[in-house]
């Protein structure tokens, strides 16, 4: 199960992501928003991140106009490693090296076709473990 959340600035992108996940046969939980009315992204992103942290969802995808705000909110939740993604290499390495469990996208920054490519890379790439696990453990230790 994949957690999805967005604000009004990324509603169209979130809807495209849902169609993409449907085409791949992947289950998701939509935490909102579901309208173009101005809203506060923490209201939707925080519950999505908490669902990932609790193990209710395996991974999460969050979106706003730039992706910055939603990534900040997600990373405030204990157990979340959310990466703001713009390119293929970052999407692959954040999974392989950081074991990121959430990704953020900017609807005004990343074209929809590229967003779907980044999603596929993120979802299909496994964590390498090894020396990277030691580093992830150090990140986790910072959470207190």
Foldseek 3Di string as FASTA:
>chain_A
DEEEEEFLQCLVLSVLVVVLCVVVVHDYDYQDDNHNPGDDRLSRLLVRLVCCQVVVHQAYEYEYQAQVVSQVSSVVDQPADEEEDDDLVCLQCCAQQQVGRYYYYHPNRHPSVRVSVSVCNNVPHHHNDDPSVVVNVVVNVVND
